[in-house]
Amino acid sequence: MEAIRTNGKNKVPVIAVDEEELRTHVSEVVRQSVEETLNGLLDAEADTLCQARRYERNADRASTRAGHYERNLQTKAGTV
């Protein structure tokens, strides 16, 4: 974003917005939001299926829910 300027006779502040930079920033925010939401949903589903939270230990169960592998998903918001 450029510095505030005046348009001459009326001395009204004018702000120039770089639309491409704004679009890029908004796209990244959306992509991060999609990624966080999907990861939260996957963790919740794994908690339910395993009946345990990640790294949880208790006397009734000898094993833990641990481990994962990386995977990418292509979305309109970008790769998450």
PDB file of N, CA and C in Angstrom:
ATOM      1  N   MET A   1       0.848  -1.159   0.000  1.00  0.00           N
ATOM      2  CA  MET A   1       0.000   0.000   0.000  1.00  0.00           C
ATOM      3  C   MET A   1       0.902   1.232   0.000  1.00  0.00           C
ATOM      4  N   GLU A   2       0.523   2.202  -0.806  1.00  0.00           N
ATOM      5  CA  GLU A   2       1.300   3.433  -0.896  1.00  0.00           C
ATOM      6  C   GLU A   2       0.937   4.384   0.238  1.00  0.00           C
ATOM      7  N   ALA A   3       1.771   5.395   0.418  1.00  0.00           N
ATOM      8  CA  ALA A   3       1.504   6.406   1.441  1.00  0.00           C
ATOM      9  C   ALA A   3       0.267   7.219   1.065  1.00  0.00           C
ATOM     10  N   ILE A   4      -0.355   7.821   2.053  1.00  0.00           N
ATOM     11  CA  ILE A   4      -1.536   8.659   1.822  1.00  0.00           C
ATOM     12  C   ILE A   4      -1.115   9.921   1.068  1.00  0.00           C
ATOM     13  N   ARG A   5      -1.884  10.263   0.026  1.00  0.00           N
ATOM     14  CA  ARG A   5      -1.633  11.468  -0.764  1.00  0.00           C
ATOM     15  C   ARG A   5      -2.894  12.326  -0.744  1.00  0.00           C
ATOM     16  N   THR A   6      -2.787  13.520  -1.217  1.00  0.00           N
ATOM     17  CA  THR A   6      -3.988  14.349  -1.392  1.00  0.00           C
ATOM     18  C   THR A   6      -4.213  14.539  -2.882  1.00  0.00           C
ATOM     19  N   ASN A   7      -5.475  14.778  -3.266  1.00  0.00           N
ATOM     20  CA  ASN A   7      -5.788  14.899  -4.689  1.00  0.00           C
ATOM     21  C   ASN A   7      -5.716  16.335  -5.205  1.00  0.00           C
ATOM     22  N   GLY A   8      -5.158  17.229  -4.469  1.00  0.00           N
ATOM     23  CA  GLY A   8      -4.970  18.588  -4.951  1.00  0.00           C
ATOM     24  C   GLY A   8      -5.922  19.583  -4.336  1.00  0.00           C
ATOM     25  N   LYS A   9      -6.988  19.923  -5.055  1.00  0.00           N
ATOM     26  CA  LYS A   9      -7.838  21.034  -4.622  1.00  0.00           C
ATOM     27  C   LYS A   9      -8.647  20.770  -3.363  1.00  0.00           C
ATOM     28  N   ASN A  10      -9.171  19.582  -3.146  1.00  0.00           N
ATOM     29  CA  ASN A  10     -10.020  19.321  -1.980  1.00  0.00           C
ATOM     30  C   ASN A  10      -9.250  18.801  -0.770  1.00  0.00           C
ATOM     31  N   LYS A  11      -8.011  18.461  -0.937  1.00  0.00           N
ATOM     32  CA  LYS A  11      -7.169  17.937   0.147  1.00  0.00           C
ATOM     33  C   LYS A  11      -7.798  16.715   0.825  1.00  0.00           C
ATOM     34  N   VAL A  12      -8.430  15.862   0.028  1.00  0.00           N
ATOM     35  CA  VAL A  12      -9.027  14.624   0.531  1.00  0.00           C
ATOM     36  C   VAL A  12      -7.960  13.538   0.460  1.00  0.00           C
ATOM     37  N   PRO A  13      -7.740  12.789   1.555  1.00  0.00           N
ATOM     38  CA  PRO A  13      -6.732  11.725   1.507  1.00  0.00           C
ATOM     39  C   PRO A  13      -7.099  10.654   0.469  1.00  0.00           C
ATOM     40  N   VAL A  14      -6.115  10.223  -0.283  1.00  0.00           N
ATOM     41  CA  VAL A  14      -6.302   9.176  -1.278  1.00  0.00           C
ATOM     42  C   VAL A  14      -5.341   8.048  -0.936  1.00  0.00           C
ATOM     43  N   ILE A  15      -5.868   6.838  -0.883  1.00  0.00           N
ATOM     44  CA  ILE A  15      -5.034   5.675  -0.583  1.00  0.00           C
ATOM     45  C   ILE A  15      -5.035   4.765  -1.802  1.00  0.00           C
ATOM     46  N   ALA A  16      -3.862   4.405  -2.268  1.00  0.00           N
ATOM     47  CA  ALA A  16      -3.748   3.480  -3.393  1.00  0.00           C
ATOM     48  C   ALA A  16      -3.572   2.070  -2.844  1.00  0.00           C
ATOM     49  N   VAL A  17      -4.383   1.152  -3.327  1.00  0.00           N
ATOM     50  CA  VAL A  17      -4.327  -0.234  -2.876  1.00  0.00           C
ATOM     51  C   VAL A  17      -3.832  -1.100  -4.023  1.00  0.00           C
ATOM     52  N   ASP A  18      -2.826  -1.892  -3.758  1.00  0.00           N
ATOM     53  CA  ASP A  18      -2.318  -2.844  -4.745  1.00  0.00           C
ATOM     54  C   ASP A  18      -3.236  -4.062  -4.711  1.00  0.00           C
ATOM     55  N   GLU A  19      -4.130  -4.147  -5.698  1.00  0.00           N
ATOM     56  CA  GLU A  19      -5.134  -5.210  -5.700  1.00  0.00           C
ATOM     57  C   GLU A  19      -4.513  -6.601  -5.767  1.00  0.00           C
ATOM     58  N   GLU A  20      -3.439  -6.754  -6.515  1.00  0.00           N
ATOM     59  CA  GLU A  20      -2.792  -8.068  -6.627  1.00  0.00           C
ATOM     60  C   GLU A  20      -2.209  -8.496  -5.280  1.00  0.00           C
ATOM     61  N   GLU A  21      -1.573  -7.561  -4.582  1.00  0.00           N
ATOM     62  CA  GLU A  21      -1.023  -7.864  -3.259  1.00  0.00           C
ATOM     63  C   GLU A  21      -2.146  -8.221  -2.284  1.00  0.00           C
ATOM     64  N   LEU A  22      -3.236  -7.484  -2.345  1.00  0.00           N
ATOM     65  CA  LEU A  22      -4.391  -7.761  -1.488  1.00  0.00           C
ATOM     66  C   LEU A  22      -4.968  -9.139  -1.789  1.00  0.00           C
ATOM     67  N   ARG A  23      -5.134  -9.450  -3.083  1.00  0.00           N
ATOM     68  CA  ARG A  23      -5.650 -10.762  -3.487  1.00  0.00           C
ATOM     69  C   ARG A  23      -4.741 -11.888  -2.985  1.00  0.00           C
ATOM     70  N   THR A  24      -3.437 -11.701  -3.131  1.00  0.00           N
ATOM     71  CA  THR A  24      -2.473 -12.710  -2.681  1.00  0.00           C
ATOM     72  C   THR A  24      -2.575 -12.916  -1.175  1.00  0.00           C
ATOM     73  N   HIS A  25      -2.663 -11.832  -0.432  1.00  0.00           N
ATOM     74  CA  HIS A  25      -2.752 -11.924   1.026  1.00  0.00           C
ATOM     75  C   HIS A  25      -4.041 -12.629   1.450  1.00  0.00           C
ATOM     76  N   VAL A  26      -5.162 -12.240   0.857  1.00  0.00           N
ATOM     77  CA  VAL A  26      -6.447 -12.863   1.198  1.00  0.00           C
ATOM     78  C   VAL A  26      -6.423 -14.343   0.833  1.00  0.00           C
ATOM     79  N   SER A  27      -5.858 -14.687  -0.325  1.00  0.00           N
ATOM     80  CA  SER A  27      -5.771 -16.090  -0.741  1.00  0.00           C
ATOM     81  C   SER A  27      -4.970 -16.914   0.262  1.00  0.00           C
ATOM     82  N   GLU A  28      -3.877 -16.357   0.765  1.00  0.00           N
ATOM     83  CA  GLU A  28      -3.050 -17.078   1.739  1.00  0.00           C
ATOM     84  C   GLU A  28      -3.800 -17.255   3.056  1.00  0.00           C
ATOM     85  N   VAL A  29      -4.538 -16.242   3.482  1.00  0.00           N
ATOM     86  CA  VAL A  29      -5.329 -16.349   4.709  1.00  0.00           C
ATOM     87  C   VAL A  29      -6.393 -17.433   4.549  1.00  0.00           C
ATOM     88  N   VAL A  30      -7.055 -17.466   3.400  1.00  0.00           N
ATOM     89  CA  VAL A  30      -8.069 -18.495   3.137  1.00  0.00           C
ATOM     90  C   VAL A  30      -7.425 -19.877   3.126  1.00  0.00           C
ATOM     91  N   ARG A  31      -6.278 -20.016   2.448  1.00  0.00           N
ATOM     92  CA  ARG A  31      -5.590 -21.309   2.379  1.00  0.00           C
ATOM     93  C   ARG A  31      -5.219 -21.806   3.774  1.00  0.00           C
ATOM     94  N   GLN A  32      -4.672 -20.917   4.606  1.00  0.00           N
ATOM     95  CA  GLN A  32      -4.302 -21.304   5.968  1.00  0.00           C
ATOM     96  C   GLN A  32      -5.528 -21.702   6.779  1.00  0.00           C
ATOM     97  N   SER A  33      -6.608 -20.988   6.604  1.00  0.00           N
ATOM     98  CA  SER A  33      -7.847 -21.301   7.321  1.00  0.00           C
ATOM     99  C   SER A  33      -8.386 -22.666   6.911  1.00  0.00           C
ATOM    100  N   VAL A  34      -8.366 -22.951   5.615  1.00  0.00           N
ATOM    101  CA  VAL A  34      -8.811 -24.259   5.118  1.00  0.00           C
ATOM    102  C   VAL A  34      -7.926 -25.357   5.692  1.00  0.00           C
ATOM    103  N   GLU A  35      -6.616 -25.146   5.681  1.00  0.00           N
ATOM    104  CA  GLU A  35      -5.679 -26.144   6.202  1.00  0.00           C
ATOM    105  C   GLU A  35      -5.920 -26.411   7.687  1.00  0.00           C
ATOM    106  N   GLU A  36      -6.067 -25.362   8.481  1.00  0.00           N
ATOM    107  CA  GLU A  36      -6.298 -25.530   9.922  1.00  0.00           C
ATOM    108  C   GLU A  36      -7.622 -26.238  10.192  1.00  0.00           C
ATOM    109  N   THR A  37      -8.654 -25.890   9.424  1.00  0.00           N
ATOM    110  CA  THR A  37      -9.963 -26.519   9.600  1.00  0.00           C
ATOM    111  C   THR A  37      -9.903 -28.001   9.261  1.00  0.00           C
ATOM    112  N   LEU A  38      -9.297 -28.339   8.118  1.00  0.00           N
ATOM    113  CA  LEU A  38      -9.191 -29.748   7.729  1.00  0.00           C
ATOM    114  C   LEU A  38      -8.369 -30.546   8.731  1.00  0.00           C
ATOM    115  N   ASN A  39      -7.250 -29.985   9.196  1.00  0.00           N
ATOM    116  CA  ASN A  39      -6.434 -30.689  10.186  1.00  0.00           C
ATOM    117  C   ASN A  39      -7.206 -30.905  11.485  1.00  0.00           C
ATOM    118  N   GLY A  40      -7.979 -29.914  11.899  1.00  0.00           N
ATOM    119  CA  GLY A  40      -8.804 -30.063  13.102  1.00  0.00           C
ATOM    120  C   GLY A  40      -9.844 -31.156  12.942  1.00  0.00           C
ATOM    121  N   LEU A  41     -10.493 -31.190  11.773  1.00  0.00           N
ATOM    122  CA  LEU A  41     -11.490 -32.234  11.513  1.00  0.00           C
ATOM    123  C   LEU A  41     -10.855 -33.620  11.482  1.00  0.00           C
ATOM    124  N   LEU A  42      -9.691 -33.735  10.846  1.00  0.00           N
ATOM    125  CA  LEU A  42      -9.002 -35.028  10.793  1.00  0.00           C
ATOM    126  C   LEU A  42      -8.570 -35.486  12.184  1.00  0.00           C
ATOM    127  N   ASP A  43      -8.065 -34.569  13.003  1.00  0.00           N
ATOM    128  CA  ASP A  43      -7.681 -34.919  14.374  1.00  0.00           C
ATOM    129  C   ASP A  43      -8.889 -35.366  15.185  1.00  0.00           C
ATOM    130  N   ALA A  44     -10.006 -34.659  15.034  1.00  0.00           N
ATOM    131  CA  ALA A  44     -11.218 -35.030  15.774  1.00  0.00           C
ATOM    132  C   ALA A  44     -11.716 -36.407  15.342  1.00  0.00           C
ATOM    133  N   GLU A  45     -11.660 -36.680  14.041  1.00  0.00           N
ATOM    134  CA  GLU A  45     -12.090 -37.996  13.553  1.00  0.00           C
ATOM    135  C   GLU A  45     -11.168 -39.096  14.076  1.00  0.00           C
ATOM    136  N   ALA A  46      -9.862 -38.847  14.075  1.00  0.00           N
ATOM    137  CA  ALA A  46      -8.912 -39.834  14.596  1.00  0.00           C
ATOM    138  C   ALA A  46      -9.129 -40.055  16.089  1.00  0.00           C
ATOM    139  N   ASP A  47      -9.398 -38.982  16.839  1.00  0.00           N
ATOM    140  CA  ASP A  47      -9.692 -39.112  18.275  1.00  0.00           C
ATOM    141  C   ASP A  47     -10.881 -40.039  18.491  1.00  0.00           C
ATOM    142  N   THR A  48     -11.922 -39.847  17.685  1.00  0.00           N
ATOM    143  CA  THR A  48     -13.132 -40.657  17.817  1.00  0.00           C
ATOM    144  C   THR A  48     -12.866 -42.112  17.447  1.00  0.00           C
ATOM    145  N   LEU A  49     -12.209 -42.323  16.321  1.00  0.00           N
ATOM    146  CA  LEU A  49     -11.945 -43.690  15.864  1.00  0.00           C
ATOM    147  C   LEU A  49     -11.044 -44.459  16.824  1.00  0.00           C
ATOM    148  N   CYS A  50     -10.036 -43.784  17.354  1.00  0.00           N
ATOM    149  CA  CYS A  50      -9.075 -44.442  18.247  1.00  0.00           C
ATOM    150  C   CYS A  50      -9.514 -44.396  19.705  1.00  0.00           C
ATOM    151  N   GLN A  51     -10.548 -43.637  19.982  1.00  0.00           N
ATOM    152  CA  GLN A  51     -11.017 -43.422  21.349  1.00  0.00           C
ATOM    153  C   GLN A  51      -9.888 -42.919  22.245  1.00  0.00           C
ATOM    154  N   ALA A  52      -9.077 -42.038  21.669  1.00  0.00           N
ATOM    155  CA  ALA A  52      -7.958 -41.445  22.406  1.00  0.00           C
ATOM    156  C   ALA A  52      -7.494 -40.190  21.689  1.00  0.00           C
ATOM    157  N   ARG A  53      -7.009 -39.235  22.470  1.00  0.00           N
ATOM    158  CA  ARG A  53      -6.373 -38.075  21.871  1.00  0.00           C
ATOM    159  C   ARG A  53      -4.931 -38.421  21.553  1.00  0.00           C
ATOM    160  N   ARG A  54      -4.314 -37.589  20.745  1.00  0.00           N
ATOM    161  CA  ARG A  54      -2.930 -37.829  20.357  1.00  0.00           C
ATOM    162  C   ARG A  54      -2.043 -37.937  21.597  1.00  0.00           C
ATOM    163  N   TYR A  55      -1.213 -38.965  21.647  1.00  0.00           N
ATOM    164  CA  TYR A  55      -0.248 -39.245  22.728  1.00  0.00           C
ATOM    165  C   TYR A  55      -0.906 -39.539  24.077  1.00  0.00           C
ATOM    166  N   GLU A  56      -2.204 -39.767  24.095  1.00  0.00           N
ATOM    167  CA  GLU A  56      -2.906 -40.034  25.355  1.00  0.00           C
ATOM    168  C   GLU A  56      -2.559 -41.430  25.875  1.00  0.00           C
ATOM    169  N   ARG A  57      -2.344 -41.522  27.155  1.00  0.00           N
ATOM    170  CA  ARG A  57      -2.100 -42.808  27.818  1.00  0.00           C
ATOM    171  C   ARG A  57      -3.075 -42.940  28.978  1.00  0.00           C
ATOM    172  N   ASN A  58      -3.503 -44.151  29.223  1.00  0.00           N
ATOM    173  CA  ASN A  58      -4.296 -44.411  30.424  1.00  0.00           C
ATOM    174  C   ASN A  58      -4.122 -45.868  30.825  1.00  0.00           C
ATOM    175  N   ALA A  59      -4.609 -46.221  31.978  1.00  0.00           N
ATOM    176  CA  ALA A  59      -4.404 -47.571  32.515  1.00  0.00           C
ATOM    177  C   ALA A  59      -5.147 -48.630  31.715  1.00  0.00           C
ATOM    178  N   ASP A  60      -6.231 -48.271  31.060  1.00  0.00           N
ATOM    179  CA  ASP A  60      -7.027 -49.245  30.306  1.00  0.00           C
ATOM    180  C   ASP A  60      -6.427 -49.607  28.956  1.00  0.00           C
ATOM    181  N   ARG A  61      -5.492 -48.824  28.489  1.00  0.00           N
ATOM    182  CA  ARG A  61      -4.953 -49.080  27.166  1.00  0.00           C
ATOM    183  C   ARG A  61      -3.435 -49.003  27.202  1.00  0.00           C
ATOM    184  N   ALA A  62      -2.796 -49.966  26.567  1.00  0.00           N
ATOM    185  CA  ALA A  62      -1.339 -50.012  26.568  1.00  0.00           C
ATOM    186  C   ALA A  62      -0.735 -49.139  25.465  1.00  0.00           C
ATOM    187  N   SER A  63      -1.445 -48.965  24.370  1.00  0.00           N
ATOM    188  CA  SER A  63      -0.881 -48.225  23.245  1.00  0.00           C
ATOM    189  C   SER A  63      -1.350 -46.767  23.248  1.00  0.00           C
ATOM    190  N   THR A  64      -0.758 -45.986  22.372  1.00  0.00           N
ATOM    191  CA  THR A  64      -1.132 -44.578  22.236  1.00  0.00           C
ATOM    192  C   THR A  64      -1.521 -44.299  20.793  1.00  0.00           C
ATOM    193  N   ARG A  65      -2.198 -43.199  20.604  1.00  0.00           N
ATOM    194  CA  ARG A  65      -2.466 -42.737  19.240  1.00  0.00           C
ATOM    195  C   ARG A  65      -1.315 -41.822  18.875  1.00  0.00           C
ATOM    196  N   ALA A  66      -0.422 -42.308  18.055  1.00  0.00           N
ATOM    197  CA  ALA A  66       0.742 -41.518  17.675  1.00  0.00           C
ATOM    198  C   ALA A  66       1.059 -41.780  16.210  1.00  0.00           C
ATOM    199  N   GLY A  67       1.779 -40.869  15.639  1.00  0.00           N
ATOM    200  CA  GLY A  67       2.223 -41.036  14.266  1.00  0.00           C
ATOM    201  C   GLY A  67       1.275 -40.422  13.263  1.00  0.00           C
ATOM    202  N   HIS A  68       1.835 -40.024  12.155  1.00  0.00           N
ATOM    203  CA  HIS A  68       1.074 -39.476  11.048  1.00  0.00           C
ATOM    204  C   HIS A  68       1.984 -39.442   9.835  1.00  0.00           C
ATOM    205  N   TYR A  69       1.425 -39.151   8.717  1.00  0.00           N
ATOM    206  CA  TYR A  69       2.242 -38.946   7.540  1.00  0.00           C
ATOM    207  C   TYR A  69       1.742 -37.700   6.811  1.00  0.00           C
ATOM    208  N   GLU A  70       2.644 -37.079   6.094  1.00  0.00           N
ATOM    209  CA  GLU A  70       2.318 -35.850   5.376  1.00  0.00           C
ATOM    210  C   GLU A  70       1.571 -36.191   4.094  1.00  0.00           C
ATOM    211  N   ARG A  71       0.586 -35.390   3.787  1.00  0.00           N
ATOM    212  CA  ARG A  71      -0.113 -35.507   2.514  1.00  0.00           C
ATOM    213  C   ARG A  71      -0.608 -34.118   2.137  1.00  0.00           C
ATOM    214  N   ASN A  72      -0.746 -33.892   0.860  1.00  0.00           N
ATOM    215  CA  ASN A  72      -1.210 -32.600   0.365  1.00  0.00           C
ATOM    216  C   ASN A  72      -2.554 -32.769  -0.308  1.00  0.00           C
ATOM    217  N   LEU A  73      -3.359 -31.734  -0.219  1.00  0.00           N
ATOM    218  CA  LEU A  73      -4.667 -31.714  -0.843  1.00  0.00           C
ATOM    219  C   LEU A  73      -4.746 -30.468  -1.709  1.00  0.00           C
ATOM    220  N   GLN A  74      -5.119 -30.649  -2.970  1.00  0.00           N
ATOM    221  CA  GLN A  74      -5.261 -29.516  -3.880  1.00  0.00           C
ATOM    222  C   GLN A  74      -6.667 -28.941  -3.742  1.00  0.00           C
ATOM    223  N   THR A  75      -6.774 -27.658  -3.418  1.00  0.00           N
ATOM    224  CA  THR A  75      -8.061 -26.982  -3.304  1.00  0.00           C
ATOM    225  C   THR A  75      -8.029 -25.716  -4.153  1.00  0.00           C
ATOM    226  N   LYS A  76      -9.178 -25.088  -4.327  1.00  0.00           N
ATOM    227  CA  LYS A  76      -9.213 -23.812  -5.049  1.00  0.00           C
ATOM    228  C   LYS A  76      -8.426 -22.745  -4.303  1.00  0.00           C
ATOM    229  N   ALA A  77      -8.290 -22.920  -2.986  1.00  0.00           N
ATOM    230  CA  ALA A  77      -7.536 -21.969  -2.170  1.00  0.00           C
ATOM    231  C   ALA A  77      -6.037 -22.222  -2.253  1.00  0.00           C
ATOM    232  N   GLY A  78      -5.632 -23.343  -2.842  1.00  0.00           N
ATOM    233  CA  GLY A  78      -4.224 -23.695  -2.951  1.00  0.00           C
ATOM    234  C   GLY A  78      -3.957 -25.049  -2.326  1.00  0.00           C
ATOM    235  N   THR A  79      -2.697 -25.434  -2.277  1.00  0.00           N
ATOM    236  CA  THR A  79      -2.301 -26.709  -1.693  1.00  0.00           C
ATOM    237  C   THR A  79      -2.296 -26.587  -0.179  1.00  0.00           C
ATOM    238  N   VAL A  80      -2.984 -27.517   0.479  1.00  0.00           N
ATOM    239  CA  VAL A  80      -3.015 -27.527   1.945  1.00  0.00           C
ATOM    240  C   VAL A  80      -2.518 -28.859   2.441  1.00  0.00           C
TER     241      VAL A  80
END
